[in-house]
Amino acid sequence: MNEKVMPERQIRQRGHAAGLPFAHAARRYFRHFVVRFVAPISRHPAMTLITGLGLFVSGSFELAEQIFTNFESVVGIHQGVILLGIVTFLRGLADLVEASEWLSKGTDEEEAETVETIRTAAADAAPSNVQLAELRRRFG
């Protein structure tokens, strides 16, 4: 609990972007990068075709090596599995980031509704100017 309060100028000089902590700015940049670039690439139908073709070719080469003793290739089944793993990881990452954005938007909307409810309740509970004038006249 030994926190210092730093002026805004010092915060910006220490590598904080727009007054926000650097980690928060990095998270925002990472989300933007994933949603903007990684998600469209990993979900594109061409990526599915390339992954399927890569698995088919690597599996075929591996099968040919097992059947024909003189056949040797530099492509093995492990390259196909690595390709599938990378594509699956990128799709999962894109889904995770979009889900976290969706959840945070829902939380922000709930907070806004809660604040509005509190303001409405406070406005209803507060005495009007007419009521205040009457109280001042009586007890004033």
Protein backbone atom coordinates (compact mmCIF):
# COMPACT_ATOMS: atom_id res chain seq x y z
CA MET A 1 0.00 0.00 0.00
CA ASN A 2 2.94 2.27 -0.64
CA GLU A 3 1.58 3.94 -3.79
CA LYS A 4 2.68 7.34 -4.96
CA VAL A 5 0.36 9.74 -6.67
CA MET A 6 2.12 10.94 -9.79
CA PRO A 7 1.17 14.01 -11.78
CA GLU A 8 -0.14 13.38 -15.29
CA ARG A 9 3.03 14.74 -16.86
CA GLN A 10 5.16 12.13 -15.08
CA ILE A 11 2.74 9.39 -16.03
CA ARG A 12 3.10 10.23 -19.71
CA GLN A 13 6.88 10.47 -19.44
CA ARG A 14 7.15 7.01 -17.90
CA GLY A 15 5.71 5.31 -20.98
CA HIS A 16 2.00 5.40 -20.27
CA ALA A 17 -0.19 6.02 -23.29
CA ALA A 18 -2.93 8.63 -23.00
CA GLY A 19 -2.77 8.61 -19.21
CA LEU A 20 -3.67 4.92 -19.07
CA PRO A 21 -1.31 2.34 -17.66
CA PHE A 22 0.94 0.82 -20.30
CA ALA A 23 -0.51 -2.67 -19.75
CA HIS A 24 -4.01 -1.39 -20.47
CA ALA A 25 -2.87 0.26 -23.69
CA ALA A 26 -1.06 -2.93 -24.71
CA ARG A 27 -4.24 -4.98 -24.10
CA ARG A 28 -6.24 -2.57 -26.24
CA TYR A 29 -3.66 -2.81 -29.04
CA PHE A 30 -3.59 -6.62 -28.79
CA ARG A 31 -7.40 -6.81 -28.99
CA HIS A 32 -7.42 -4.49 -31.96
CA PHE A 33 -4.72 -6.53 -33.71
CA VAL A 34 -6.48 -9.86 -33.12
CA VAL A 35 -9.95 -8.66 -34.09
CA ARG A 36 -8.75 -6.68 -37.08
CA PHE A 37 -6.13 -9.02 -38.58
CA VAL A 38 -5.98 -12.48 -37.01
CA ALA A 39 -9.70 -13.27 -36.86
CA PRO A 40 -10.45 -12.62 -40.55
CA ILE A 41 -7.43 -14.64 -41.67
CA SER A 42 -8.02 -17.60 -39.37
CA ARG A 43 -11.73 -17.83 -40.22
CA HIS A 44 -11.39 -17.36 -43.96
CA PRO A 45 -12.58 -20.38 -46.01
CA ALA A 46 -9.25 -20.39 -47.86
CA MET A 47 -7.47 -21.05 -44.56
CA THR A 48 -9.66 -24.12 -44.04
CA LEU A 49 -8.80 -25.33 -47.55
CA ILE A 50 -5.08 -24.75 -47.01
CA THR A 51 -5.17 -26.58 -43.68
CA GLY A 52 -7.06 -29.51 -45.17
CA LEU A 53 -4.71 -29.66 -48.16
CA GLY A 54 -1.67 -29.51 -45.88
CA LEU A 55 -2.98 -32.36 -43.74
CA PHE A 56 -3.83 -34.40 -46.83
CA VAL A 57 -0.40 -33.90 -48.42
CA SER A 58 1.54 -34.60 -45.24
CA GLY A 59 -0.56 -37.69 -44.51
CA SER A 60 -0.15 -38.92 -48.10
CA PHE A 61 3.63 -38.51 -47.95
CA GLU A 62 3.74 -40.35 -44.64
CA LEU A 63 1.63 -43.17 -46.08
CA ALA A 64 3.84 -43.37 -49.18
CA GLU A 65 6.92 -43.64 -46.96
CA GLN A 66 5.32 -46.56 -45.11
CA ILE A 67 4.23 -48.39 -48.27
CA PHE A 68 7.22 -47.78 -50.53
CA THR A 69 10.60 -48.41 -48.94
CA ASN A 70 12.55 -46.26 -51.45
CA PHE A 71 10.25 -43.22 -51.10
CA GLU A 72 11.59 -40.44 -48.91
CA SER A 73 10.19 -36.97 -48.39
CA VAL A 74 10.94 -33.97 -46.24
CA VAL A 75 7.25 -33.58 -45.39
CA GLY A 76 5.89 -35.67 -42.57
CA ILE A 77 2.68 -35.95 -40.65
CA HIS A 78 4.07 -33.78 -37.87
CA GLN A 79 4.13 -30.74 -40.19
CA GLY A 80 0.44 -31.24 -40.92
CA VAL A 81 -0.36 -31.54 -37.23
CA ILE A 82 1.64 -28.37 -36.51
CA LEU A 83 -0.28 -26.54 -39.25
CA LEU A 84 -3.59 -27.70 -37.82
CA GLY A 85 -2.49 -26.68 -34.33
CA ILE A 86 -1.51 -23.17 -35.44
CA VAL A 87 -4.80 -22.59 -37.27
CA THR A 88 -6.83 -23.96 -34.36
CA PHE A 89 -4.90 -21.76 -31.92
CA LEU A 90 -5.51 -18.63 -34.02
CA ARG A 91 -9.23 -19.37 -34.30
CA GLY A 92 -9.48 -19.95 -30.56
CA LEU A 93 -7.55 -16.76 -29.84
CA ALA A 94 -9.88 -14.74 -32.06
CA ASP A 95 -12.95 -16.28 -30.39
CA LEU A 96 -11.53 -15.60 -26.92
CA VAL A 97 -10.80 -11.94 -27.64
CA GLU A 98 -14.20 -11.36 -29.21
CA ALA A 99 -15.92 -13.08 -26.29
CA SER A 100 -14.04 -10.91 -23.79
CA GLU A 101 -15.08 -7.80 -25.72
CA TRP A 102 -18.69 -8.98 -25.75
CA LEU A 103 -18.59 -9.61 -22.01
CA SER A 104 -17.00 -6.26 -21.25
CA LYS A 105 -19.61 -4.46 -23.39
CA GLY A 106 -22.35 -6.21 -21.46
CA THR A 107 -20.76 -5.17 -18.18
CA ASP A 108 -20.46 -1.56 -19.35
CA GLU A 109 -24.12 -1.49 -20.36
CA GLU A 110 -25.17 -2.96 -17.00
CA GLU A 111 -23.07 -0.37 -15.16
CA ALA A 112 -24.66 2.43 -17.20
CA GLU A 113 -28.15 1.11 -16.38
CA THR A 114 -27.25 0.87 -12.69
CA VAL A 115 -25.92 4.44 -12.64
CA GLU A 116 -29.05 5.70 -14.40
CA THR A 117 -31.26 3.84 -11.91
CA ILE A 118 -29.37 5.37 -8.98
CA ARG A 119 -29.63 8.86 -10.50
CA THR A 120 -33.36 8.45 -11.07
CA ALA A 121 -33.90 7.20 -7.52
CA ALA A 122 -31.83 10.06 -6.10
CA ALA A 123 -33.76 12.61 -8.17
CA ASP A 124 -37.07 11.16 -6.98
CA ALA A 125 -35.94 11.14 -3.36
CA ALA A 126 -34.57 14.68 -3.40
CA PRO A 127 -36.98 17.41 -2.35
CA SER A 128 -38.10 19.83 -5.04
CA ASN A 129 -37.41 23.56 -4.94
CA VAL A 130 -40.99 24.22 -3.82
CA GLN A 131 -40.60 21.77 -0.92
CA LEU A 132 -37.27 23.34 0.05
CA ALA A 133 -38.79 26.84 0.01
CA GLU A 134 -41.65 25.64 2.23
CA LEU A 135 -39.20 24.08 4.71
CA ARG A 136 -37.10 27.24 4.80
CA ARG A 137 -40.21 29.36 5.37
CA ARG A 138 -41.35 27.15 8.26
CA PHE A 139 -38.03 26.61 10.02
CA GLY A 140 -35.95 29.36 8.58
